[in-house]
């Protein structure tokens, strides 16, 4: 079952870039979409869609949390609140990277 959520994070683009670098070039298994957008207050919002909640949990345990911890130099302030989305239907597979 598709698993999706929105998460507002109190970080800027520089720290976000360090996290992404820490993830490495391999795709996260089960990730269908990761969209990062800038909020008006300067923070970032993630919109994530996964094949399943289990895929998401495994990716956080194995790759995402280690990359976040490294970017924060071990002083990560805790997990931001996640707003789970009740997915009715999902389709498409377009992934694009914004040019800097």
PDB file of N, CA and C in Angstrom:
ATOM      1  N   UNK A   1       0.839  -1.172   0.000  1.00  0.00           N
ATOM      2  CA  UNK A   1       0.000   0.000   0.000  1.00  0.00           C
ATOM      3  C   UNK A   1       0.888   1.240   0.000  1.00  0.00           C
ATOM      4  N   UNK A   2       0.578   2.211  -0.824  1.00  0.00           N
ATOM      5  CA  UNK A   2       1.360   3.441  -0.920  1.00  0.00           C
ATOM      6  C   UNK A   2       1.300   4.192   0.405  1.00  0.00           C
ATOM      7  N   UNK A   3       2.456   4.708   0.811  1.00  0.00           N
ATOM      8  CA  UNK A   3       2.593   5.446   2.059  1.00  0.00           C
ATOM      9  C   UNK A   3       3.135   6.832   1.705  1.00  0.00           C
ATOM     10  N   UNK A   4       2.481   7.901   2.192  1.00  0.00           N
ATOM     11  CA  UNK A   4       2.911   9.251   1.851  1.00  0.00           C
ATOM     12  C   UNK A   4       2.782  10.173   3.059  1.00  0.00           C
ATOM     13  N   UNK A   5       3.621  11.204   3.067  1.00  0.00           N
ATOM     14  CA  UNK A   5       3.565  12.175   4.157  1.00  0.00           C
ATOM     15  C   UNK A   5       4.177  13.504   3.733  1.00  0.00           C
ATOM     16  N   UNK A   6       3.881  14.511   4.547  1.00  0.00           N
ATOM     17  CA  UNK A   6       4.486  15.838   4.439  1.00  0.00           C
ATOM     18  C   UNK A   6       5.226  16.078   5.746  1.00  0.00           C
ATOM     19  N   UNK A   7       6.415  16.658   5.656  1.00  0.00           N
ATOM     20  CA  UNK A   7       7.210  16.935   6.845  1.00  0.00           C
ATOM     21  C   UNK A   7       7.870  18.295   6.696  1.00  0.00           C
ATOM     22  N   UNK A   8       7.611  19.196   7.638  1.00  0.00           N
ATOM     23  CA  UNK A   8       8.278  20.496   7.662  1.00  0.00           C
ATOM     24  C   UNK A   8       9.524  20.377   8.521  1.00  0.00           C
ATOM     25  N   UNK A   9      10.656  20.810   7.976  1.00  0.00           N
ATOM     26  CA  UNK A   9      11.921  20.695   8.692  1.00  0.00           C
ATOM     27  C   UNK A   9      12.552  22.074   8.844  1.00  0.00           C
ATOM     28  N   UNK A  10      13.095  22.355  10.027  1.00  0.00           N
ATOM     29  CA  UNK A  10      13.662  23.680  10.298  1.00  0.00           C
ATOM     30  C   UNK A  10      15.122  23.787   9.866  1.00  0.00           C
ATOM     31  N   UNK A  11      15.382  23.461   8.615  1.00  0.00           N
ATOM     32  CA  UNK A  11      16.754  23.548   8.101  1.00  0.00           C
ATOM     33  C   UNK A  11      16.741  24.331   6.800  1.00  0.00           C
ATOM     34  N   UNK A  12      17.911  24.791   6.393  1.00  0.00           N
ATOM     35  CA  UNK A  12      18.062  25.496   5.125  1.00  0.00           C
ATOM     36  C   UNK A  12      18.633  24.587   4.060  1.00  0.00           C
ATOM     37  N   UNK A  13      18.832  25.173   2.896  1.00  0.00           N
ATOM     38  CA  UNK A  13      19.289  24.399   1.744  1.00  0.00           C
ATOM     39  C   UNK A  13      20.709  23.856   1.896  1.00  0.00           C
ATOM     40  N   UNK A  14      21.569  24.572   2.623  1.00  0.00           N
ATOM     41  CA  UNK A  14      22.948  24.104   2.787  1.00  0.00           C
ATOM     42  C   UNK A  14      22.988  22.797   3.570  1.00  0.00           C
ATOM     43  N   UNK A  15      22.279  22.748   4.685  1.00  0.00           N
ATOM     44  CA  UNK A  15      22.246  21.522   5.478  1.00  0.00           C
ATOM     45  C   UNK A  15      21.536  20.410   4.705  1.00  0.00           C
ATOM     46  N   UNK A  16      20.461  20.751   4.006  1.00  0.00           N
ATOM     47  CA  UNK A  16      19.753  19.768   3.190  1.00  0.00           C
ATOM     48  C   UNK A  16      20.703  19.145   2.161  1.00  0.00           C
ATOM     49  N   UNK A  17      21.529  19.970   1.526  1.00  0.00           N
ATOM     50  CA  UNK A  17      22.479  19.463   0.532  1.00  0.00           C
ATOM     51  C   UNK A  17      23.469  18.490   1.152  1.00  0.00           C
ATOM     52  N   UNK A  18      23.912  18.767   2.382  1.00  0.00           N
ATOM     53  CA  UNK A  18      24.829  17.846   3.066  1.00  0.00           C
ATOM     54  C   UNK A  18      24.146  16.504   3.341  1.00  0.00           C
ATOM     55  N   UNK A  19      22.862  16.557   3.711  1.00  0.00           N
ATOM     56  CA  UNK A  19      22.122  15.320   3.953  1.00  0.00           C
ATOM     57  C   UNK A  19      22.012  14.503   2.665  1.00  0.00           C
ATOM     58  N   UNK A  20      21.644  15.161   1.580  1.00  0.00           N
ATOM     59  CA  UNK A  20      21.498  14.479   0.287  1.00  0.00           C
ATOM     60  C   UNK A  20      22.833  13.868  -0.151  1.00  0.00           C
ATOM     61  N   UNK A  21      23.921  14.606   0.026  1.00  0.00           N
ATOM     62  CA  UNK A  21      25.248  14.063  -0.302  1.00  0.00           C
ATOM     63  C   UNK A  21      25.541  12.820   0.529  1.00  0.00           C
ATOM     64  N   UNK A  22      25.152  12.855   1.800  1.00  0.00           N
ATOM     65  CA  UNK A  22      25.389  11.729   2.696  1.00  0.00           C
ATOM     66  C   UNK A  22      24.598  10.486   2.328  1.00  0.00           C
ATOM     67  N   UNK A  23      23.492  10.671   1.623  1.00  0.00           N
ATOM     68  CA  UNK A  23      22.689   9.521   1.187  1.00  0.00           C
ATOM     69  C   UNK A  23      23.388   8.730   0.084  1.00  0.00           C
ATOM     70  N   UNK A  24      24.240   9.397  -0.663  1.00  0.00           N
ATOM     71  CA  UNK A  24      24.925   8.734  -1.770  1.00  0.00           C
ATOM     72  C   UNK A  24      24.062   8.699  -3.015  1.00  0.00           C
ATOM     73  N   UNK A  25      24.634   8.199  -4.106  1.00  0.00           N
ATOM     74  CA  UNK A  25      23.950   8.253  -5.396  1.00  0.00           C
ATOM     75  C   UNK A  25      22.886   7.167  -5.624  1.00  0.00           C
ATOM     76  N   UNK A  26      22.902   6.116  -4.808  1.00  0.00           N
ATOM     77  CA  UNK A  26      21.949   5.026  -5.026  1.00  0.00           C
ATOM     78  C   UNK A  26      20.547   5.466  -4.611  1.00  0.00           C
ATOM     79  N   UNK A  27      19.539   5.125  -5.411  1.00  0.00           N
ATOM     80  CA  UNK A  27      18.157   5.445  -5.027  1.00  0.00           C
ATOM     81  C   UNK A  27      17.777   4.729  -3.733  1.00  0.00           C
ATOM     82  N   UNK A  28      16.883   5.329  -2.984  1.00  0.00           N
ATOM     83  CA  UNK A  28      16.365   4.699  -1.774  1.00  0.00           C
ATOM     84  C   UNK A  28      15.330   3.660  -2.188  1.00  0.00           C
ATOM     85  N   UNK A  29      15.542   2.433  -1.784  1.00  0.00           N
ATOM     86  CA  UNK A  29      14.638   1.360  -2.173  1.00  0.00           C
ATOM     87  C   UNK A  29      13.220   1.654  -1.675  1.00  0.00           C
ATOM     88  N   UNK A  30      12.267   1.620  -2.586  1.00  0.00           N
ATOM     89  CA  UNK A  30      10.873   1.833  -2.231  1.00  0.00           C
ATOM     90  C   UNK A  30      10.407   3.280  -2.307  1.00  0.00           C
ATOM     91  N   UNK A  31      11.337   4.204  -2.528  1.00  0.00           N
ATOM     92  CA  UNK A  31      10.952   5.617  -2.642  1.00  0.00           C
ATOM     93  C   UNK A  31      10.385   5.882  -4.036  1.00  0.00           C
ATOM     94  N   UNK A  32       9.179   6.401  -4.082  1.00  0.00           N
ATOM     95  CA  UNK A  32       8.549   6.734  -5.360  1.00  0.00           C
ATOM     96  C   UNK A  32       8.727   8.207  -5.699  1.00  0.00           C
ATOM     97  N   UNK A  33       8.766   9.061  -4.663  1.00  0.00           N
ATOM     98  CA  UNK A  33       8.933  10.496  -4.884  1.00  0.00           C
ATOM     99  C   UNK A  33       9.439  11.155  -3.615  1.00  0.00           C
ATOM    100  N   UNK A  34      10.439  12.009  -3.756  1.00  0.00           N
ATOM    101  CA  UNK A  34      10.867  12.892  -2.672  1.00  0.00           C
ATOM    102  C   UNK A  34      10.913  14.286  -3.279  1.00  0.00           C
ATOM    103  N   UNK A  35      10.082  15.169  -2.776  1.00  0.00           N
ATOM    104  CA  UNK A  35      10.018  16.542  -3.259  1.00  0.00           C
ATOM    105  C   UNK A  35      10.358  17.450  -2.092  1.00  0.00           C
ATOM    106  N   UNK A  36      11.331  18.324  -2.276  1.00  0.00           N
ATOM    107  CA  UNK A  36      11.733  19.280  -1.243  1.00  0.00           C
ATOM    108  C   UNK A  36      11.409  20.671  -1.761  1.00  0.00           C
ATOM    109  N   UNK A  37      10.601  21.413  -0.997  1.00  0.00           N
ATOM    110  CA  UNK A  37      10.222  22.767  -1.400  1.00  0.00           C
ATOM    111  C   UNK A  37      10.553  23.746  -0.279  1.00  0.00           C
ATOM    112  N   UNK A  38      10.814  24.987  -0.657  1.00  0.00           N
ATOM    113  CA  UNK A  38      11.127  26.040   0.300  1.00  0.00           C
ATOM    114  C   UNK A  38       9.841  26.629   0.857  1.00  0.00           C
ATOM    115  N   UNK A  39       9.794  26.792   2.182  1.00  0.00           N
ATOM    116  CA  UNK A  39       8.648  27.429   2.831  1.00  0.00           C
ATOM    117  C   UNK A  39       8.904  28.924   2.954  1.00  0.00           C
ATOM    118  N   UNK A  40       7.856  29.687   3.163  1.00  0.00           N
ATOM    119  CA  UNK A  40       7.975  31.142   3.297  1.00  0.00           C
ATOM    120  C   UNK A  40       8.870  31.549   4.464  1.00  0.00           C
ATOM    121  N   UNK A  41       8.923  30.732   5.530  1.00  0.00           N
ATOM    122  CA  UNK A  41       9.721  31.073   6.708  1.00  0.00           C
ATOM    123  C   UNK A  41      11.193  30.691   6.560  1.00  0.00           C
ATOM    124  N   UNK A  42      11.587  30.166   5.394  1.00  0.00           N
ATOM    125  CA  UNK A  42      12.974  29.805   5.147  1.00  0.00           C
ATOM    126  C   UNK A  42      13.283  28.348   5.397  1.00  0.00           C
ATOM    127  N   UNK A  43      12.391  27.632   6.080  1.00  0.00           N
ATOM    128  CA  UNK A  43      12.575  26.201   6.289  1.00  0.00           C
ATOM    129  C   UNK A  43      12.208  25.435   5.029  1.00  0.00           C
ATOM    130  N   UNK A  44      12.255  24.137   5.129  1.00  0.00           N
ATOM    131  CA  UNK A  44      11.944  23.287   3.986  1.00  0.00           C
ATOM    132  C   UNK A  44      10.778  22.369   4.313  1.00  0.00           C
ATOM    133  N   UNK A  45      10.088  21.933   3.285  1.00  0.00           N
ATOM    134  CA  UNK A  45       9.000  20.959   3.407  1.00  0.00           C
ATOM    135  C   UNK A  45       9.325  19.791   2.490  1.00  0.00           C
ATOM    136  N   UNK A  46       9.216  18.590   3.055  1.00  0.00           N
ATOM    137  CA  UNK A  46       9.387  17.374   2.263  1.00  0.00           C
ATOM    138  C   UNK A  46       8.006  16.791   1.980  1.00  0.00           C
ATOM    139  N   UNK A  47       7.836  16.343   0.768  1.00  0.00           N
ATOM    140  CA  UNK A  47       6.656  15.568   0.385  1.00  0.00           C
ATOM    141  C   UNK A  47       7.204  14.251  -0.131  1.00  0.00           C
ATOM    142  N   UNK A  48       6.885  13.175   0.566  1.00  0.00           N
ATOM    143  CA  UNK A  48       7.457  11.876   0.238  1.00  0.00           C
ATOM    144  C   UNK A  48       6.363  10.856  -0.043  1.00  0.00           C
ATOM    145  N   UNK A  49       6.627  10.020  -1.035  1.00  0.00           N
ATOM    146  CA  UNK A  49       5.720   8.927  -1.394  1.00  0.00           C
ATOM    147  C   UNK A  49       6.572   7.663  -1.507  1.00  0.00           C
ATOM    148  N   UNK A  50       6.130   6.623  -0.812  1.00  0.00           N
ATOM    149  CA  UNK A  50       6.850   5.352  -0.737  1.00  0.00           C
ATOM    150  C   UNK A  50       5.954   4.205  -1.180  1.00  0.00           C
ATOM    151  N   UNK A  51       6.566   3.126  -1.607  1.00  0.00           N
ATOM    152  CA  UNK A  51       5.812   1.923  -1.954  1.00  0.00           C
ATOM    153  C   UNK A  51       5.043   1.402  -0.748  1.00  0.00           C
ATOM    154  N   UNK A  52       5.643   1.539   0.451  1.00  0.00           N
ATOM    155  CA  UNK A  52       4.997   1.066   1.668  1.00  0.00           C
ATOM    156  C   UNK A  52       5.627   1.752   2.874  1.00  0.00           C
ATOM    157  N   UNK A  53       4.953   1.693   4.004  1.00  0.00           N
ATOM    158  CA  UNK A  53       5.508   2.239   5.235  1.00  0.00           C
ATOM    159  C   UNK A  53       6.757   1.460   5.657  1.00  0.00           C
ATOM    160  N   UNK A  54       6.775   0.166   5.379  1.00  0.00           N
ATOM    161  CA  UNK A  54       7.940  -0.655   5.715  1.00  0.00           C
ATOM    162  C   UNK A  54       9.173  -0.209   4.928  1.00  0.00           C
ATOM    163  N   UNK A  55       9.015   0.101   3.635  1.00  0.00           N
ATOM    164  CA  UNK A  55      10.139   0.600   2.839  1.00  0.00           C
ATOM    165  C   UNK A  55      10.663   1.901   3.436  1.00  0.00           C
ATOM    166  N   UNK A  56       9.761   2.782   3.826  1.00  0.00           N
ATOM    167  CA  UNK A  56      10.139   4.066   4.410  1.00  0.00           C
ATOM    168  C   UNK A  56      10.908   3.852   5.710  1.00  0.00           C
ATOM    169  N   UNK A  57      10.393   3.022   6.588  1.00  0.00           N
ATOM    170  CA  UNK A  57      11.032   2.778   7.881  1.00  0.00           C
ATOM    171  C   UNK A  57      12.438   2.204   7.692  1.00  0.00           C
ATOM    172  N   UNK A  58      12.581   1.274   6.766  1.00  0.00           N
ATOM    173  CA  UNK A  58      13.885   0.664   6.504  1.00  0.00           C
ATOM    174  C   UNK A  58      14.868   1.708   5.967  1.00  0.00           C
ATOM    175  N   UNK A  59      14.420   2.570   5.063  1.00  0.00           N
ATOM    176  CA  UNK A  59      15.291   3.609   4.505  1.00  0.00           C
ATOM    177  C   UNK A  59      15.735   4.588   5.590  1.00  0.00           C
ATOM    178  N   UNK A  60      14.819   4.951   6.498  1.00  0.00           N
ATOM    179  CA  UNK A  60      15.199   5.842   7.592  1.00  0.00           C
ATOM    180  C   UNK A  60      16.238   5.179   8.478  1.00  0.00           C
ATOM    181  N   UNK A  61      16.042   3.930   8.803  1.00  0.00           N
ATOM    182  CA  UNK A  61      16.973   3.229   9.689  1.00  0.00           C
ATOM    183  C   UNK A  61      18.342   3.037   9.049  1.00  0.00           C
ATOM    184  N   UNK A  62      18.348   2.613   7.797  1.00  0.00           N
ATOM    185  CA  UNK A  62      19.601   2.227   7.155  1.00  0.00           C
ATOM    186  C   UNK A  62      20.350   3.385   6.502  1.00  0.00           C
ATOM    187  N   UNK A  63      19.640   4.397   5.981  1.00  0.00           N
ATOM    188  CA  UNK A  63      20.333   5.420   5.193  1.00  0.00           C
ATOM    189  C   UNK A  63      20.018   6.853   5.614  1.00  0.00           C
ATOM    190  N   UNK A  64      18.744   7.164   5.854  1.00  0.00           N
ATOM    191  CA  UNK A  64      18.380   8.568   6.085  1.00  0.00           C
ATOM    192  C   UNK A  64      18.885   9.062   7.437  1.00  0.00           C
ATOM    193  N   UNK A  65      18.571   8.365   8.522  1.00  0.00           N
ATOM    194  CA  UNK A  65      19.036   8.830   9.837  1.00  0.00           C
ATOM    195  C   UNK A  65      20.563   8.890   9.926  1.00  0.00           C
ATOM    196  N   UNK A  66      21.314   7.915   9.404  1.00  0.00           N
ATOM    197  CA  UNK A  66      22.777   8.068   9.430  1.00  0.00           C
ATOM    198  C   UNK A  66      23.258   9.304   8.665  1.00  0.00           C
ATOM    199  N   UNK A  67      22.638   9.608   7.521  1.00  0.00           N
ATOM    200  CA  UNK A  67      23.033  10.798   6.750  1.00  0.00           C
ATOM    201  C   UNK A  67      22.671  12.079   7.496  1.00  0.00           C
ATOM    202  N   UNK A  68      21.497  12.100   8.127  1.00  0.00           N
ATOM    203  CA  UNK A  68      21.078  13.273   8.903  1.00  0.00           C
ATOM    204  C   UNK A  68      21.997  13.457  10.105  1.00  0.00           C
ATOM    205  N   UNK A  69      22.289  12.382  10.818  1.00  0.00           N
ATOM    206  CA  UNK A  69      23.177  12.465  11.981  1.00  0.00           C
ATOM    207  C   UNK A  69      24.549  12.994  11.590  1.00  0.00           C
ATOM    208  N   UNK A  70      25.084  12.530  10.469  1.00  0.00           N
ATOM    209  CA  UNK A  70      26.389  13.004  10.004  1.00  0.00           C
ATOM    210  C   UNK A  70      26.332  14.485   9.647  1.00  0.00           C
ATOM    211  N   UNK A  71      25.261  14.919   8.987  1.00  0.00           N
ATOM    212  CA  UNK A  71      25.129  16.329   8.604  1.00  0.00           C
ATOM    213  C   UNK A  71      25.013  17.236   9.823  1.00  0.00           C
ATOM    214  N   UNK A  72      24.365  16.747  10.880  1.00  0.00           N
ATOM    215  CA  UNK A  72      24.211  17.513  12.118  1.00  0.00           C
ATOM    216  C   UNK A  72      25.388  17.287  13.070  1.00  0.00           C
ATOM    217  N   UNK A  73      26.375  16.537  12.629  1.00  0.00           N
ATOM    218  CA  UNK A  73      27.544  16.216  13.454  1.00  0.00           C
ATOM    219  C   UNK A  73      27.132  15.586  14.779  1.00  0.00           C
ATOM    220  N   UNK A  74      26.134  14.692  14.731  1.00  0.00           N
ATOM    221  CA  UNK A  74      25.717  13.961  15.916  1.00  0.00           C
ATOM    222  C   UNK A  74      24.790  14.717  16.853  1.00  0.00           C
ATOM    223  N   UNK A  75      24.438  15.949  16.541  1.00  0.00           N
ATOM    224  CA  UNK A  75      23.594  16.753  17.433  1.00  0.00           C
ATOM    225  C   UNK A  75      22.227  17.036  16.804  1.00  0.00           C
ATOM    226  N   UNK A  76      21.627  16.007  16.233  1.00  0.00           N
ATOM    227  CA  UNK A  76      20.321  16.174  15.587  1.00  0.00           C
ATOM    228  C   UNK A  76      19.289  16.535  16.648  1.00  0.00           C
ATOM    229  N   UNK A  77      18.460  17.571  16.383  1.00  0.00           N
ATOM    230  CA  UNK A  77      17.530  18.056  17.393  1.00  0.00           C
ATOM    231  C   UNK A  77      16.272  17.219  17.590  1.00  0.00           C
ATOM    232  N   UNK A  78      16.125  16.106  16.945  1.00  0.00           N
ATOM    233  CA  UNK A  78      14.916  15.298  17.078  1.00  0.00           C
ATOM    234  C   UNK A  78      14.157  15.241  15.775  1.00  0.00           C
ATOM    235  N   UNK A  79      13.173  14.404  15.744  1.00  0.00           N
ATOM    236  CA  UNK A  79      12.410  14.161  14.512  1.00  0.00           C
ATOM    237  C   UNK A  79      11.283  15.186  14.374  1.00  0.00           C
ATOM    238  N   UNK A  80      11.242  15.922  13.258  1.00  0.00           N
ATOM    239  CA  UNK A  80      10.120  16.843  13.027  1.00  0.00           C
ATOM    240  C   UNK A  80       8.800  16.072  12.879  1.00  0.00           C
ATOM    241  N   UNK A  81       7.719  16.747  13.122  1.00  0.00           N
ATOM    242  CA  UNK A  81       6.389  16.146  13.014  1.00  0.00           C
ATOM    243  C   UNK A  81       6.094  15.767  11.567  1.00  0.00           C
ATOM    244  N   UNK A  82       5.506  14.599  11.398  1.00  0.00           N
ATOM    245  CA  UNK A  82       5.109  14.113  10.077  1.00  0.00           C
ATOM    246  C   UNK A  82       3.593  14.169   9.976  1.00  0.00           C
ATOM    247  N   UNK A  83       3.108  14.732   8.869  1.00  0.00           N
ATOM    248  CA  UNK A  83       1.672  14.735   8.591  1.00  0.00           C
ATOM    249  C   UNK A  83       1.417  13.632   7.572  1.00  0.00           C
ATOM    250  N   UNK A  84       0.836  12.523   8.031  1.00  0.00           N
ATOM    251  CA  UNK A  84       0.551  11.399   7.143  1.00  0.00           C
ATOM    252  C   UNK A  84      -0.582  11.772   6.195  1.00  0.00           C
ATOM    253  N   UNK A  85      -0.482  11.298   4.972  1.00  0.00           N
ATOM    254  CA  UNK A  85      -1.490  11.567   3.957  1.00  0.00           C
ATOM    255  C   UNK A  85      -2.293  10.299   3.691  1.00  0.00           C
ATOM    256  N   UNK A  86      -3.594  10.440   3.591  1.00  0.00           N
ATOM    257  CA  UNK A  86      -4.483   9.318   3.311  1.00  0.00           C
ATOM    258  C   UNK A  86      -4.602   9.199   1.792  1.00  0.00           C
ATOM    259  N   UNK A  87      -3.754   8.374   1.201  1.00  0.00           N
ATOM    260  CA  UNK A  87      -3.661   8.272  -0.255  1.00  0.00           C
ATOM    261  C   UNK A  87      -4.864   7.510  -0.810  1.00  0.00           C
ATOM    262  N   UNK A  88      -5.542   8.145  -1.732  1.00  0.00           N
ATOM    263  CA  UNK A  88      -6.669   7.527  -2.418  1.00  0.00           C
ATOM    264  C   UNK A  88      -6.203   6.919  -3.739  1.00  0.00           C
ATOM    265  N   UNK A  89      -5.308   7.644  -4.431  1.00  0.00           N
ATOM    266  CA  UNK A  89      -4.838   7.188  -5.732  1.00  0.00           C
ATOM    267  C   UNK A  89      -3.500   7.856  -6.013  1.00  0.00           C
ATOM    268  N   UNK A  90      -2.597   7.145  -6.652  1.00  0.00           N
ATOM    269  CA  UNK A  90      -1.303   7.710  -7.038  1.00  0.00           C
ATOM    270  C   UNK A  90      -0.901   7.130  -8.383  1.00  0.00           C
ATOM    271  N   UNK A  91      -0.357   7.997  -9.252  1.00  0.00           N
ATOM    272  CA  UNK A  91       0.170   7.525 -10.523  1.00  0.00           C
ATOM    273  C   UNK A  91       1.221   8.488 -11.033  1.00  0.00           C
ATOM    274  N   UNK A  92       2.017   8.022 -11.971  1.00  0.00           N
ATOM    275  CA  UNK A  92       3.057   8.860 -12.567  1.00  0.00           C
ATOM    276  C   UNK A  92       4.425   8.476 -12.069  1.00  0.00           C
ATOM    277  N   UNK A  93       5.441   8.871 -12.816  1.00  0.00           N
ATOM    278  CA  UNK A  93       6.799   8.560 -12.421  1.00  0.00           C
ATOM    279  C   UNK A  93       7.789   9.560 -13.009  1.00  0.00           C
ATOM    280  N   UNK A  94       7.513  10.841 -12.885  1.00  0.00           N
ATOM    281  CA  UNK A  94       8.396  11.877 -13.395  1.00  0.00           C
ATOM    282  C   UNK A  94       9.229  12.425 -12.250  1.00  0.00           C
ATOM    283  N   UNK A  95      10.529  12.281 -12.369  1.00  0.00           N
ATOM    284  CA  UNK A  95      11.430  12.854 -11.384  1.00  0.00           C
ATOM    285  C   UNK A  95      12.353  13.822 -12.103  1.00  0.00           C
ATOM    286  N   UNK A  96      12.442  15.038 -11.598  1.00  0.00           N
ATOM    287  CA  UNK A  96      13.311  16.046 -12.191  1.00  0.00           C
ATOM    288  C   UNK A  96      14.132  16.695 -11.093  1.00  0.00           C
ATOM    289  N   UNK A  97      15.303  17.149 -11.460  1.00  0.00           N
ATOM    290  CA  UNK A  97      16.165  17.843 -10.512  1.00  0.00           C
ATOM    291  C   UNK A  97      16.242  19.289 -10.951  1.00  0.00           C
ATOM    292  N   UNK A  98      16.023  20.210 -10.026  1.00  0.00           N
ATOM    293  CA  UNK A  98      16.062  21.635 -10.326  1.00  0.00           C
ATOM    294  C   UNK A  98      17.518  22.051 -10.555  1.00  0.00           C
ATOM    295  N   UNK A  99      17.752  22.785 -11.614  1.00  0.00           N
ATOM    296  CA  UNK A  99      19.076  23.331 -11.851  1.00  0.00           C
ATOM    297  C   UNK A  99      19.351  24.438 -10.853  1.00  0.00           C
ATOM    298  N   UNK A 100      20.576  24.484 -10.349  1.00  0.00           N
ATOM    299  CA  UNK A 100      20.932  25.526  -9.374  1.00  0.00           C
ATOM    300  C   UNK A 100      21.182  26.830 -10.056  1.00  0.00           C
TER     301      UNK A 100
END
